Amino acid sequence: MVNDRRTPTPSRPPTPVDQAGLAAAVRLFGERFVVAAKRKQVEQRLATAARRGETLATLPRWLAGVPTPLVGADQSPAGIAARFGDMPGVVIEGTGARRVGIADAVVRLRDELALWIADTGRVALIARAAAPPLLVLRM
């Protein structure tokens, strides 16, 4: 639940993701959201920590779909949860990956480079430095 729009109470603690889980999330993201010409390169770089930060920073330019910045109620955990429910997924940051729900991802993605991909592969959030996260949908 949320006690206000800025200070959410996490729905459940984040769970670390092992290398196999990270690889699966990266592969799903690449297949669903990255242009074919860059898919393999993006997947390789996201799967290892060495170039992950650089790749996260340039990720929006390699998307197959048109992302939209989170605005209005979608910027809050309560607003995004109202739109998508308690959607589980994996957040990939420079230091590793963790399983979190979409509402918790909105909080984790503030002011850092990161990627969250829903387990369904239909929704992704891309965090950018000093800008609202980008929402990417694939229906």
N, C-alpha and C. Protein backbone atom coordinates (compact mmCIF):
# COMPACT_ATOMS: atom_id res chain seq x y z
N MET A 1 0.83 -1.18 0.00
CA MET A 1 0.00 0.00 0.00
C MET A 1 0.87 1.25 0.00
N VAL A 2 0.26 2.39 -0.20
CA VAL A 2 0.98 3.64 -0.30
C VAL A 2 0.46 4.58 0.76
N ASN A 3 1.40 5.20 1.50
CA ASN A 3 0.96 6.14 2.51
C ASN A 3 0.90 7.57 1.98
N ASP A 4 1.54 7.86 0.91
CA ASP A 4 1.34 9.07 0.12
C ASP A 4 2.00 8.86 -1.23
N ARG A 5 1.92 9.83 -2.12
CA ARG A 5 2.42 9.64 -3.48
C ARG A 5 3.93 9.61 -3.57
N ARG A 6 4.64 10.09 -2.55
CA ARG A 6 6.09 10.13 -2.62
C ARG A 6 6.77 9.05 -1.79
N THR A 7 6.13 8.54 -0.78
CA THR A 7 6.76 7.58 0.11
C THR A 7 5.96 6.29 0.14
N PRO A 8 6.22 5.40 -0.81
CA PRO A 8 5.46 4.15 -0.86
C PRO A 8 5.97 3.15 0.17
N THR A 9 5.08 2.29 0.57
CA THR A 9 5.46 1.14 1.36
C THR A 9 5.59 -0.01 0.39
N PRO A 10 6.77 -0.62 0.26
CA PRO A 10 6.93 -1.69 -0.73
C PRO A 10 5.93 -2.81 -0.49
N SER A 11 5.38 -3.36 -1.59
CA SER A 11 4.40 -4.43 -1.48
C SER A 11 5.06 -5.72 -1.01
N ARG A 12 6.30 -5.93 -1.36
CA ARG A 12 7.07 -7.07 -0.89
C ARG A 12 8.55 -6.72 -1.09
N PRO A 13 9.42 -7.30 -0.29
CA PRO A 13 10.84 -6.95 -0.45
C PRO A 13 11.39 -7.43 -1.78
N PRO A 14 12.32 -6.67 -2.37
CA PRO A 14 12.92 -7.12 -3.62
C PRO A 14 13.70 -8.41 -3.40
N THR A 15 13.65 -9.28 -4.39
CA THR A 15 14.35 -10.55 -4.34
C THR A 15 15.45 -10.54 -5.38
N PRO A 16 16.69 -10.85 -5.01
CA PRO A 16 17.76 -10.89 -6.01
C PRO A 16 17.46 -11.91 -7.12
N VAL A 17 17.94 -11.62 -8.30
CA VAL A 17 17.76 -12.49 -9.46
C VAL A 17 19.11 -13.12 -9.78
N ASP A 18 19.14 -14.43 -9.98
CA ASP A 18 20.39 -15.10 -10.34
C ASP A 18 20.72 -14.84 -11.81
N GLN A 19 21.88 -15.30 -12.25
CA GLN A 19 22.34 -15.04 -13.62
C GLN A 19 21.38 -15.59 -14.66
N ALA A 20 20.81 -16.77 -14.41
CA ALA A 20 19.86 -17.37 -15.37
C ALA A 20 18.60 -16.51 -15.48
N GLY A 21 18.11 -16.00 -14.35
CA GLY A 21 16.94 -15.13 -14.36
C GLY A 21 17.21 -13.81 -15.07
N LEU A 22 18.39 -13.25 -14.83
CA LEU A 22 18.79 -12.02 -15.50
C LEU A 22 18.86 -12.25 -17.01
N ALA A 23 19.48 -13.35 -17.42
CA ALA A 23 19.59 -13.65 -18.85
C ALA A 23 18.22 -13.81 -19.49
N ALA A 24 17.29 -14.45 -18.79
CA ALA A 24 15.94 -14.63 -19.33
C ALA A 24 15.22 -13.28 -19.48
N ALA A 25 15.34 -12.42 -18.48
CA ALA A 25 14.70 -11.10 -18.54
C ALA A 25 15.29 -10.26 -19.67
N VAL A 26 16.60 -10.29 -19.81
CA VAL A 26 17.27 -9.53 -20.87
C VAL A 26 16.85 -10.05 -22.24
N ARG A 27 16.80 -11.36 -22.39
CA ARG A 27 16.39 -11.96 -23.68
C ARG A 27 14.94 -11.57 -24.01
N LEU A 28 14.06 -11.64 -23.02
CA LEU A 28 12.66 -11.25 -23.23
C LEU A 28 12.56 -9.79 -23.65
N PHE A 29 13.29 -8.92 -22.96
CA PHE A 29 13.29 -7.50 -23.31
C PHE A 29 13.79 -7.30 -24.74
N GLY A 30 14.91 -7.94 -25.07
CA GLY A 30 15.46 -7.79 -26.41
C GLY A 30 14.50 -8.24 -27.50
N GLU A 31 13.89 -9.40 -27.30
CA GLU A 31 12.94 -9.94 -28.29
C GLU A 31 11.73 -9.04 -28.48
N ARG A 32 11.26 -8.46 -27.40
CA ARG A 32 10.02 -7.68 -27.47
C ARG A 32 10.20 -6.20 -27.81
N PHE A 33 11.33 -5.60 -27.41
CA PHE A 33 11.41 -4.14 -27.45
C PHE A 33 12.59 -3.55 -28.23
N VAL A 34 13.59 -4.32 -28.58
CA VAL A 34 14.80 -3.76 -29.21
C VAL A 34 14.78 -4.05 -30.71
N VAL A 35 15.22 -3.06 -31.50
CA VAL A 35 15.28 -3.26 -32.95
C VAL A 35 16.20 -4.43 -33.25
N ALA A 36 15.88 -5.17 -34.30
CA ALA A 36 16.60 -6.40 -34.63
C ALA A 36 18.10 -6.18 -34.82
N ALA A 37 18.48 -5.07 -35.45
CA ALA A 37 19.88 -4.81 -35.75
C ALA A 37 20.74 -4.66 -34.49
N LYS A 38 20.16 -4.27 -33.38
CA LYS A 38 20.91 -4.03 -32.14
C LYS A 38 20.58 -5.04 -31.04
N ARG A 39 19.68 -5.94 -31.30
CA ARG A 39 19.18 -6.85 -30.27
C ARG A 39 20.29 -7.65 -29.57
N LYS A 40 21.12 -8.33 -30.33
CA LYS A 40 22.16 -9.18 -29.73
C LYS A 40 23.14 -8.35 -28.91
N GLN A 41 23.55 -7.21 -29.42
CA GLN A 41 24.50 -6.35 -28.70
C GLN A 41 23.89 -5.83 -27.40
N VAL A 42 22.67 -5.36 -27.45
CA VAL A 42 22.00 -4.85 -26.25
C VAL A 42 21.84 -5.96 -25.22
N GLU A 43 21.42 -7.14 -25.66
CA GLU A 43 21.26 -8.26 -24.74
C GLU A 43 22.58 -8.63 -24.06
N GLN A 44 23.66 -8.70 -24.83
CA GLN A 44 24.96 -9.04 -24.25
C GLN A 44 25.41 -8.01 -23.23
N ARG A 45 25.23 -6.75 -23.54
CA ARG A 45 25.69 -5.69 -22.64
C ARG A 45 24.83 -5.59 -21.38
N LEU A 46 23.55 -5.83 -21.49
CA LEU A 46 22.69 -5.79 -20.30
C LEU A 46 22.92 -6.99 -19.38
N ALA A 47 23.34 -8.11 -19.96
CA ALA A 47 23.53 -9.33 -19.18
C ALA A 47 24.78 -9.29 -18.31
N THR A 48 25.73 -8.41 -18.62
CA THR A 48 26.96 -8.31 -17.83
C THR A 48 27.10 -6.89 -17.29
N ALA A 49 27.71 -6.79 -16.13
CA ALA A 49 27.83 -5.49 -15.45
C ALA A 49 28.79 -4.54 -16.15
N ALA A 50 29.74 -5.05 -16.92
CA ALA A 50 30.81 -4.23 -17.48
C ALA A 50 30.30 -3.03 -18.31
N ARG A 51 29.33 -3.22 -19.16
CA ARG A 51 28.85 -2.14 -20.03
C ARG A 51 27.38 -1.82 -19.80
N ARG A 52 26.83 -2.32 -18.71
CA ARG A 52 25.39 -2.16 -18.45
C ARG A 52 24.99 -0.69 -18.32
N GLY A 53 25.74 0.09 -17.54
CA GLY A 53 25.39 1.50 -17.35
C GLY A 53 25.35 2.28 -18.65
N GLU A 54 26.36 2.09 -19.47
CA GLU A 54 26.42 2.75 -20.78
C GLU A 54 25.24 2.32 -21.66
N THR A 55 24.93 1.04 -21.62
CA THR A 55 23.83 0.50 -22.42
C THR A 55 22.49 1.04 -21.94
N LEU A 56 22.29 1.10 -20.63
CA LEU A 56 21.05 1.65 -20.09
C LEU A 56 20.87 3.11 -20.51
N ALA A 57 21.97 3.86 -20.56
CA ALA A 57 21.89 5.28 -20.94
C ALA A 57 21.48 5.46 -22.39
N THR A 58 21.88 4.55 -23.27
CA THR A 58 21.57 4.70 -24.70
C THR A 58 20.37 3.87 -25.15
N LEU A 59 19.79 3.12 -24.24
CA LEU A 59 18.71 2.18 -24.58
C LEU A 59 17.54 2.80 -25.34
N PRO A 60 17.06 3.99 -24.98
CA PRO A 60 15.90 4.53 -25.70
C PRO A 60 16.07 4.65 -27.21
N ARG A 61 17.28 4.84 -27.68
CA ARG A 61 17.46 4.98 -29.13
C ARG A 61 17.36 3.66 -29.88
N TRP A 62 17.40 2.52 -29.18
CA TRP A 62 17.35 1.22 -29.84
C TRP A 62 16.00 0.52 -29.68
N LEU A 63 15.01 1.24 -29.21
CA LEU A 63 13.69 0.64 -29.01
C LEU A 63 12.93 0.50 -30.33
N ALA A 64 12.24 -0.62 -30.47
CA ALA A 64 11.43 -0.87 -31.66
C ALA A 64 10.12 -0.07 -31.61
N GLY A 65 9.60 0.16 -30.42
CA GLY A 65 8.35 0.89 -30.26
C GLY A 65 8.61 2.34 -29.86
N VAL A 66 7.54 3.07 -29.69
CA VAL A 66 7.64 4.46 -29.29
C VAL A 66 7.37 4.56 -27.79
N PRO A 67 8.38 4.92 -27.00
CA PRO A 67 8.16 5.04 -25.56
C PRO A 67 7.47 6.35 -25.22
N THR A 68 6.79 6.36 -24.09
CA THR A 68 6.15 7.58 -23.61
C THR A 68 6.62 7.84 -22.18
N PRO A 69 6.95 9.08 -21.86
CA PRO A 69 7.36 9.39 -20.50
C PRO A 69 6.20 9.17 -19.53
N LEU A 70 6.52 8.69 -18.34
CA LEU A 70 5.48 8.58 -17.30
C LEU A 70 5.11 9.97 -16.87
N VAL A 71 3.82 10.28 -16.92
CA VAL A 71 3.33 11.59 -16.51
C VAL A 71 2.11 11.41 -15.63
N GLY A 72 1.77 12.44 -14.93
CA GLY A 72 0.57 12.43 -14.10
C GLY A 72 0.60 11.34 -13.05
N ALA A 73 -0.53 10.69 -12.87
CA ALA A 73 -0.68 9.66 -11.84
C ALA A 73 0.25 8.47 -12.06
N ASP A 74 0.64 8.21 -13.31
CA ASP A 74 1.53 7.07 -13.59
C ASP A 74 2.91 7.22 -12.94
N GLN A 75 3.27 8.44 -12.54
CA GLN A 75 4.56 8.65 -11.90
C GLN A 75 4.58 8.17 -10.45
N SER A 76 3.41 7.94 -9.88
CA SER A 76 3.34 7.50 -8.49
C SER A 76 3.11 5.99 -8.44
N PRO A 77 3.58 5.35 -7.38
CA PRO A 77 3.33 3.91 -7.24
C PRO A 77 1.84 3.57 -7.26
N ALA A 78 1.03 4.38 -6.60
CA ALA A 78 -0.42 4.11 -6.58
C ALA A 78 -1.02 4.26 -7.97
N GLY A 79 -0.59 5.26 -8.72
CA GLY A 79 -1.13 5.50 -10.05
C GLY A 79 -0.76 4.40 -11.03
N ILE A 80 0.50 3.96 -11.00
CA ILE A 80 0.93 2.91 -11.93
C ILE A 80 0.28 1.58 -11.56
N ALA A 81 0.11 1.34 -10.24
CA ALA A 81 -0.56 0.10 -9.79
C ALA A 81 -2.03 0.11 -10.19
N ALA A 82 -2.67 1.28 -10.16
CA ALA A 82 -4.06 1.37 -10.57
C ALA A 82 -4.21 1.04 -12.06
N ARG A 83 -3.21 1.41 -12.85
CA ARG A 83 -3.26 1.17 -14.29
C ARG A 83 -2.90 -0.28 -14.66
N PHE A 84 -1.91 -0.85 -13.98
CA PHE A 84 -1.40 -2.17 -14.38
C PHE A 84 -1.60 -3.27 -13.34
N GLY A 85 -2.08 -2.93 -12.16
CA GLY A 85 -2.22 -3.94 -11.11
C GLY A 85 -0.88 -4.25 -10.46
N ASP A 86 -0.82 -5.37 -9.78
CA ASP A 86 0.40 -5.78 -9.09
C ASP A 86 1.25 -6.62 -10.04
N MET A 87 1.73 -6.00 -11.10
CA MET A 87 2.45 -6.69 -12.16
C MET A 87 3.90 -6.99 -11.71
N PRO A 88 4.29 -8.26 -11.67
CA PRO A 88 5.66 -8.58 -11.26
C PRO A 88 6.63 -8.47 -12.44
N GLY A 89 7.90 -8.27 -12.10
CA GLY A 89 8.92 -8.18 -13.13
C GLY A 89 10.30 -8.13 -12.53
N VAL A 90 11.27 -7.77 -13.36
CA VAL A 90 12.67 -7.71 -12.96
C VAL A 90 13.20 -6.32 -13.26
N VAL A 91 13.83 -5.71 -12.26
CA VAL A 91 14.50 -4.43 -12.47
C VAL A 91 15.99 -4.72 -12.62
N ILE A 92 16.59 -4.16 -13.66
CA ILE A 92 18.01 -4.34 -13.95
C ILE A 92 18.69 -3.00 -13.74
N GLU A 93 19.63 -2.99 -12.81
CA GLU A 93 20.38 -1.78 -12.48
C GLU A 93 21.85 -2.04 -12.77
N GLY A 94 22.67 -1.03 -12.63
CA GLY A 94 24.09 -1.18 -12.87
C GLY A 94 24.74 -2.25 -12.01
N THR A 95 24.22 -2.47 -10.81
CA THR A 95 24.83 -3.41 -9.88
C THR A 95 24.21 -4.80 -9.89
N GLY A 96 23.12 -5.00 -10.57
CA GLY A 96 22.50 -6.31 -10.60
C GLY A 96 21.03 -6.25 -10.95
N ALA A 97 20.31 -7.30 -10.58
CA ALA A 97 18.90 -7.39 -10.92
C ALA A 97 18.12 -7.91 -9.72
N ARG A 98 16.87 -7.44 -9.60
CA ARG A 98 16.00 -7.85 -8.51
C ARG A 98 14.58 -7.98 -9.03
N ARG A 99 13.83 -8.88 -8.42
CA ARG A 99 12.41 -9.03 -8.75
C ARG A 99 11.63 -8.03 -7.91
N VAL A 100 10.83 -7.22 -8.56
CA VAL A 100 9.96 -6.25 -7.89
C VAL A 100 8.69 -6.08 -8.71
N GLY A 101 7.64 -5.62 -8.07
CA GLY A 101 6.41 -5.28 -8.76
C GLY A 101 6.55 -3.93 -9.44
N ILE A 102 5.61 -3.62 -10.32
CA ILE A 102 5.70 -2.37 -11.09
C ILE A 102 5.64 -1.13 -10.20
N ALA A 103 4.83 -1.16 -9.13
CA ALA A 103 4.75 0.00 -8.25
C ALA A 103 6.08 0.25 -7.55
N ASP A 104 6.72 -0.82 -7.09
CA ASP A 104 8.03 -0.68 -6.46
C ASP A 104 9.08 -0.25 -7.48
N ALA A 105 8.94 -0.68 -8.71
CA ALA A 105 9.89 -0.31 -9.76
C ALA A 105 9.87 1.19 -9.99
N VAL A 106 8.69 1.80 -9.96
CA VAL A 106 8.59 3.25 -10.17
C VAL A 106 9.44 3.98 -9.13
N VAL A 107 9.44 3.49 -7.90
CA VAL A 107 10.25 4.10 -6.85
C VAL A 107 11.73 3.84 -7.09
N ARG A 108 12.08 2.61 -7.41
CA ARG A 108 13.48 2.23 -7.61
C ARG A 108 14.09 2.93 -8.82
N LEU A 109 13.27 3.31 -9.79
CA LEU A 109 13.79 3.89 -11.02
C LEU A 109 14.00 5.40 -10.93
N ARG A 110 13.70 6.00 -9.82
CA ARG A 110 13.87 7.45 -9.70
C ARG A 110 15.35 7.81 -9.64
N ASP A 111 15.74 8.72 -10.49
CA ASP A 111 17.09 9.30 -10.49
C ASP A 111 18.22 8.30 -10.67
N GLU A 112 18.01 7.25 -11.41
CA GLU A 112 19.10 6.34 -11.75
C GLU A 112 18.80 5.67 -13.08
N LEU A 113 19.84 5.13 -13.69
CA LEU A 113 19.67 4.40 -14.93
C LEU A 113 19.27 2.97 -14.58
N ALA A 114 18.16 2.53 -15.11
CA ALA A 114 17.68 1.17 -14.83
C ALA A 114 16.62 0.79 -15.86
N LEU A 115 16.33 -0.50 -15.88
CA LEU A 115 15.31 -1.06 -16.77
C LEU A 115 14.46 -2.00 -15.94
N TRP A 116 13.15 -1.92 -16.11
CA TRP A 116 12.23 -2.88 -15.49
C TRP A 116 11.45 -3.53 -16.62
N ILE A 117 11.38 -4.85 -16.59
CA ILE A 117 10.62 -5.59 -17.60
C ILE A 117 9.62 -6.49 -16.89
N ALA A 118 8.37 -6.41 -17.32
CA ALA A 118 7.32 -7.26 -16.74
C ALA A 118 7.55 -8.70 -17.13
N ASP A 119 7.16 -9.62 -16.26
CA ASP A 119 7.29 -11.04 -16.55
C ASP A 119 6.54 -11.42 -17.83
N THR A 120 5.48 -10.69 -18.16
CA THR A 120 4.71 -10.97 -19.36
C THR A 120 5.43 -10.54 -20.63
N GLY A 121 6.39 -9.64 -20.51
CA GLY A 121 7.08 -9.12 -21.68
C GLY A 121 6.29 -8.08 -22.44
N ARG A 122 5.23 -7.60 -21.84
CA ARG A 122 4.38 -6.61 -22.54
C ARG A 122 4.58 -5.19 -22.06
N VAL A 123 5.25 -5.01 -20.94
CA VAL A 123 5.46 -3.68 -20.36
C VAL A 123 6.91 -3.57 -19.91
N ALA A 124 7.52 -2.42 -20.20
CA ALA A 124 8.86 -2.14 -19.72
C ALA A 124 8.92 -0.68 -19.29
N LEU A 125 9.75 -0.41 -18.30
CA LEU A 125 10.02 0.95 -17.85
C LEU A 125 11.52 1.17 -17.98
N ILE A 126 11.91 2.30 -18.54
CA ILE A 126 13.32 2.63 -18.69
C ILE A 126 13.56 3.93 -17.93
N ALA A 127 14.43 3.85 -16.94
CA ALA A 127 14.75 5.04 -16.15
C ALA A 127 15.91 5.77 -16.81
N ARG A 128 15.79 7.08 -16.79
CA ARG A 128 16.83 7.94 -17.35
C ARG A 128 17.24 8.95 -16.29
N ALA A 129 18.46 9.40 -16.35
CA ALA A 129 18.93 10.39 -15.39
C ALA A 129 18.19 11.71 -15.59
N ALA A 130 17.69 12.26 -14.51
CA ALA A 130 17.05 13.58 -14.50
C ALA A 130 15.88 13.72 -15.47
N ALA A 131 15.17 12.64 -15.69
CA ALA A 131 14.00 12.67 -16.58
C ALA A 131 13.02 11.59 -16.11
N PRO A 132 11.73 11.77 -16.42
CA PRO A 132 10.77 10.74 -16.03
C PRO A 132 11.07 9.41 -16.73
N PRO A 133 10.79 8.30 -16.08
CA PRO A 133 10.98 6.99 -16.75
C PRO A 133 10.12 6.91 -18.02
N LEU A 134 10.59 6.11 -18.95
CA LEU A 134 9.85 5.87 -20.18
C LEU A 134 9.06 4.59 -20.04
N LEU A 135 7.83 4.62 -20.48
CA LEU A 135 6.96 3.46 -20.50
C LEU A 135 6.92 2.94 -21.93
N VAL A 136 7.17 1.63 -22.08
CA VAL A 136 7.14 1.00 -23.39
C VAL A 136 6.15 -0.16 -23.32
N LEU A 137 5.19 -0.16 -24.23
CA LEU A 137 4.16 -1.20 -24.24
C LEU A 137 4.27 -2.03 -25.50
N ARG A 138 4.00 -3.30 -25.36
CA ARG A 138 3.96 -4.21 -26.50
C ARG A 138 2.74 -5.10 -26.31
N MET A 139 1.71 -4.88 -27.06
CA MET A 139 0.47 -5.65 -26.87
C MET A 139 0.29 -6.69 -27.93
